[in-house]
C-alpha atoms as a PDB file:
ATOM      1  CA  UNK A   1     -23.599  21.899 -59.970  1.00  0.00           C
ATOM      2  CA  UNK A   2     -22.028  24.360 -62.325  1.00  0.00           C
ATOM      3  CA  UNK A   3     -18.375  24.852 -63.138  1.00  0.00           C
ATOM      4  CA  UNK A   4     -18.391  28.184 -61.265  1.00  0.00           C
ATOM      5  CA  UNK A   5     -19.587  26.477 -58.048  1.00  0.00           C
ATOM      6  CA  UNK A   6     -16.795  23.885 -58.313  1.00  0.00           C
ATOM      7  CA  UNK A   7     -14.189  26.662 -58.468  1.00  0.00           C
ATOM      8  CA  UNK A   8     -15.554  28.341 -55.299  1.00  0.00           C
ATOM      9  CA  UNK A   9     -15.681  25.203 -53.152  1.00  0.00           C
ATOM     10  CA  UNK A  10     -12.694  24.912 -50.760  1.00  0.00           C
ATOM     11  CA  UNK A  11     -10.270  22.046 -51.136  1.00  0.00           C
ATOM     12  CA  UNK A  12     -11.012  19.067 -48.903  1.00  0.00           C
ATOM     13  CA  UNK A  13      -8.554  17.933 -46.276  1.00  0.00           C
ATOM     14  CA  UNK A  14      -8.165  14.429 -44.926  1.00  0.00           C
ATOM     15  CA  UNK A  15      -7.909  14.165 -41.142  1.00  0.00           C
ATOM     16  CA  UNK A  16      -6.783  10.975 -39.489  1.00  0.00           C
ATOM     17  CA  UNK A  17      -8.162  10.702 -35.955  1.00  0.00           C
ATOM     18  CA  UNK A  18      -5.300   8.585 -34.622  1.00  0.00           C
ATOM     19  CA  UNK A  19      -2.763  11.329 -35.393  1.00  0.00           C
ATOM     20  CA  UNK A  20      -4.889  14.074 -33.844  1.00  0.00           C
ATOM     21  CA  UNK A  21      -5.676  12.120 -30.683  1.00  0.00           C
ATOM     22  CA  UNK A  22      -2.016  11.116 -30.178  1.00  0.00           C
ATOM     23  CA  UNK A  23      -0.926  14.769 -30.199  1.00  0.00           C
ATOM     24  CA  UNK A  24      -3.722  15.780 -27.879  1.00  0.00           C
ATOM     25  CA  UNK A  25      -2.988  12.859 -25.529  1.00  0.00           C
ATOM     26  CA  UNK A  26       0.682  13.859 -25.192  1.00  0.00           C
ATOM     27  CA  UNK A  27      -0.145  17.529 -24.578  1.00  0.00           C
ATOM     28  CA  UNK A  28      -2.901  16.611 -22.117  1.00  0.00           C
ATOM     29  CA  UNK A  29      -0.601  14.196 -20.298  1.00  0.00           C
ATOM     30  CA  UNK A  30       2.124  16.847 -19.957  1.00  0.00           C
ATOM     31  CA  UNK A  31      -0.376  19.452 -18.740  1.00  0.00           C
ATOM     32  CA  UNK A  32      -1.697  16.933 -16.215  1.00  0.00           C
ATOM     33  CA  UNK A  33       1.843  16.250 -14.982  1.00  0.00           C
ATOM     34  CA  UNK A  34       2.327  19.980 -14.495  1.00  0.00           C
ATOM     35  CA  UNK A  35      -1.010  20.420 -12.735  1.00  0.00           C
ATOM     36  CA  UNK A  36      -0.535  17.386 -10.481  1.00  0.00           C
ATOM     37  CA  UNK A  37       3.067  18.390  -9.748  1.00  0.00           C
ATOM     38  CA  UNK A  38       4.522  14.996 -10.606  1.00  0.00           C
ATOM     39  CA  UNK A  39       8.290  14.529 -10.777  1.00  0.00           C
ATOM     40  CA  UNK A  40       8.284  15.193 -14.527  1.00  0.00           C
ATOM     41  CA  UNK A  41       6.166  18.318 -14.166  1.00  0.00           C
ATOM     42  CA  UNK A  42       8.338  19.474 -11.289  1.00  0.00           C
ATOM     43  CA  UNK A  43      11.449  18.985 -13.417  1.00  0.00           C
ATOM     44  CA  UNK A  44       9.950  20.954 -16.291  1.00  0.00           C
ATOM     45  CA  UNK A  45       9.024  23.865 -14.030  1.00  0.00           C
ATOM     46  CA  UNK A  46      12.420  23.744 -12.313  1.00  0.00           C
ATOM     47  CA  UNK A  47      14.062  24.025 -15.752  1.00  0.00           C
ATOM     48  CA  UNK A  48      11.998  27.118 -16.538  1.00  0.00           C
ATOM     49  CA  UNK A  49      12.853  28.701 -13.187  1.00  0.00           C
ATOM     50  CA  UNK A  50      16.563  27.978 -13.707  1.00  0.00           C
ATOM     51  CA  UNK A  51      16.461  29.505 -17.189  1.00  0.00           C
ATOM     52  CA  UNK A  52      14.781  32.652 -15.843  1.00  0.00           C
ATOM     53  CA  UNK A  53      17.252  32.869 -12.944  1.00  0.00           C
ATOM     54  CA  UNK A  54      20.239  32.453 -15.279  1.00  0.00           C
ATOM     55  CA  UNK A  55      18.871  35.219 -17.500  1.00  0.00           C
ATOM     56  CA  UNK A  56      18.365  37.546 -14.524  1.00  0.00           C
ATOM     57  CA  UNK A  57      21.883  36.878 -13.249  1.00  0.00           C
ATOM     58  CA  UNK A  58      23.469  37.479 -16.667  1.00  0.00           C
ATOM     59  CA  UNK A  59      21.678  40.788 -17.118  1.00  0.00           C
ATOM     60  CA  UNK A  60      22.467  41.793 -13.524  1.00  0.00           C
ATOM     61  CA  UNK A  61      26.112  41.212 -14.346  1.00  0.00           C
ATOM     62  CA  UNK A  62      25.763  43.472 -17.406  1.00  0.00           C
ATOM     63  CA  UNK A  63      24.295  46.242 -15.213  1.00  0.00           C
ATOM     64  CA  UNK A  64      26.926  45.708 -12.533  1.00  0.00           C
ATOM     65  CA  UNK A  65      29.759  45.962 -15.047  1.00  0.00           C
ATOM     66  CA  UNK A  66      28.144  48.800 -16.993  1.00  0.00           C
ATOM     67  CA  UNK A  67      27.233  51.052 -14.084  1.00  0.00           C
ATOM     68  CA  UNK A  68      29.500  49.700 -11.357  1.00  0.00           C
ATOM     69  CA  UNK A  69      32.520  49.980 -13.590  1.00  0.00           C
ATOM     70  CA  UNK A  70      32.142  53.731 -14.048  1.00  0.00           C
ATOM     71  CA  UNK A  71      33.320  54.713 -10.532  1.00  0.00           C
ATOM     72  CA  UNK A  72      36.274  52.358 -10.973  1.00  0.00           C
ATOM     73  CA  UNK A  73      37.076  54.007 -14.287  1.00  0.00           C
ATOM     74  CA  UNK A  74      37.009  57.472 -12.725  1.00  0.00           C
ATOM     75  CA  UNK A  75      39.142  56.300  -9.775  1.00  0.00           C
ATOM     76  CA  UNK A  76      41.740  54.587 -11.989  1.00  0.00           C
ATOM     77  CA  UNK A  77      41.858  57.332 -14.615  1.00  0.00           C
ATOM     78  CA  UNK A  78      41.049  60.644 -12.859  1.00  0.00           C
ATOM     79  CA  UNK A  79      41.675  62.552 -16.083  1.00  0.00           C
ATOM     80  CA  UNK A  80      38.576  60.898 -17.599  1.00  0.00           C
ATOM     81  CA  UNK A  81      36.531  62.177 -14.653  1.00  0.00           C
ATOM     82  CA  UNK A  82      37.602  65.748 -15.363  1.00  0.00           C
ATOM     83  CA  UNK A  83      36.413  65.732 -18.991  1.00  0.00           C
ATOM     84  CA  UNK A  84      33.485  68.066 -19.697  1.00  0.00           C
ATOM     85  CA  UNK A  85      30.865  67.659 -22.426  1.00  0.00           C
ATOM     86  CA  UNK A  86      28.709  70.705 -23.163  1.00  0.00           C
ATOM     87  CA  UNK A  87      29.806  72.206 -19.859  1.00  0.00           C
ATOM     88  CA  UNK A  88      28.810  69.120 -17.817  1.00  0.00           C
ATOM     89  CA  UNK A  89      31.344  66.825 -16.183  1.00  0.00           C
ATOM     90  CA  UNK A  90      31.483  63.380 -17.834  1.00  0.00           C
ATOM     91  CA  UNK A  91      30.736  61.434 -14.611  1.00  0.00           C
ATOM     92  CA  UNK A  92      27.529  63.438 -14.077  1.00  0.00           C
ATOM     93  CA  UNK A  93      26.537  62.952 -17.682  1.00  0.00           C
ATOM     94  CA  UNK A  94      27.163  59.202 -17.659  1.00  0.00           C
ATOM     95  CA  UNK A  95      25.626  58.450 -14.267  1.00  0.00           C
ATOM     96  CA  UNK A  96      22.822  61.016 -14.411  1.00  0.00           C
ATOM     97  CA  UNK A  97      21.692  60.864 -18.036  1.00  0.00           C
ATOM     98  CA  UNK A  98      23.111  57.884 -19.930  1.00  0.00           C
ATOM     99  CA  UNK A  99      22.387  55.384 -17.160  1.00  0.00           C
ATOM    100  CA  UNK A 100      18.600  55.656 -17.557  1.00  0.00           C
ATOM    101  CA  UNK A 101      18.404  54.649 -21.244  1.00  0.00           C
ATOM    102  CA  UNK A 102      20.920  51.884 -20.433  1.00  0.00           C
ATOM    103  CA  UNK A 103      18.688  50.525 -17.662  1.00  0.00           C
ATOM    104  CA  UNK A 104      15.588  50.790 -19.856  1.00  0.00           C
ATOM    105  CA  UNK A 105      17.421  48.850 -22.572  1.00  0.00           C
ATOM    106  CA  UNK A 106      18.467  46.122 -20.144  1.00  0.00           C
ATOM    107  CA  UNK A 107      14.892  45.935 -18.814  1.00  0.00           C
ATOM    108  CA  UNK A 108      13.500  45.659 -22.340  1.00  0.00           C
ATOM    109  CA  UNK A 109      16.011  42.909 -23.147  1.00  0.00           C
ATOM    110  CA  UNK A 110      15.070  41.043 -19.961  1.00  0.00           C
ATOM    111  CA  UNK A 111      11.356  41.108 -20.747  1.00  0.00           C
ATOM    112  CA  UNK A 112      11.946  39.990 -24.327  1.00  0.00           C
ATOM    113  CA  UNK A 113      14.271  37.132 -23.354  1.00  0.00           C
ATOM    114  CA  UNK A 114      12.087  36.042 -20.405  1.00  0.00           C
ATOM    115  CA  UNK A 115       9.075  35.843 -22.719  1.00  0.00           C
ATOM    116  CA  UNK A 116      11.169  33.760 -25.127  1.00  0.00           C
ATOM    117  CA  UNK A 117      12.044  31.370 -22.267  1.00  0.00           C
ATOM    118  CA  UNK A 118       8.358  31.050 -21.406  1.00  0.00           C
ATOM    119  CA  UNK A 119       7.441  30.464 -25.062  1.00  0.00           C
ATOM    120  CA  UNK A 120      10.113  27.758 -25.318  1.00  0.00           C
ATOM    121  CA  UNK A 121       8.654  26.136 -22.197  1.00  0.00           C
ATOM    122  CA  UNK A 122       5.150  26.287 -23.650  1.00  0.00           C
ATOM    123  CA  UNK A 123       6.372  24.812 -26.933  1.00  0.00           C
ATOM    124  CA  UNK A 124       8.115  22.013 -25.028  1.00  0.00           C
ATOM    125  CA  UNK A 125       4.952  21.205 -23.076  1.00  0.00           C
ATOM    126  CA  UNK A 126       2.708  21.268 -26.140  1.00  0.00           C
ATOM    127  CA  UNK A 127       5.163  19.611 -28.553  1.00  0.00           C
ATOM    128  CA  UNK A 128       3.573  16.621 -30.282  1.00  0.00           C
ATOM    129  CA  UNK A 129       5.240  13.251 -29.759  1.00  0.00           C
ATOM    130  CA  UNK A 130       6.666  11.712 -32.913  1.00  0.00           C
END
């Protein structure tokens, strides 16, 4: 072998089978508990469902306060309801135009955070035992 061939050859890595099989055993055991719906698997899934429900309730509260608070604002402070922007009354502008980007933003945030919850669940299930 020449010196040029030695430079091209990739570096060797040592793999210990006991470490690899232990990680795979733990992940396989957790997946089996989920598939067989054992008490542990049921608890893991229940935790995911609770996290998703809590997220949905928090963002529903944001929408309720954000959009539901506008009629209260206009009822409490009628002068705010009479303000015009570019010839359009502020209540029409807020409820008819601004509400849609707000709802899209909340929907985008929900999808992003729900996917993060699912990724955390997947990481928990596949986490190697130390």
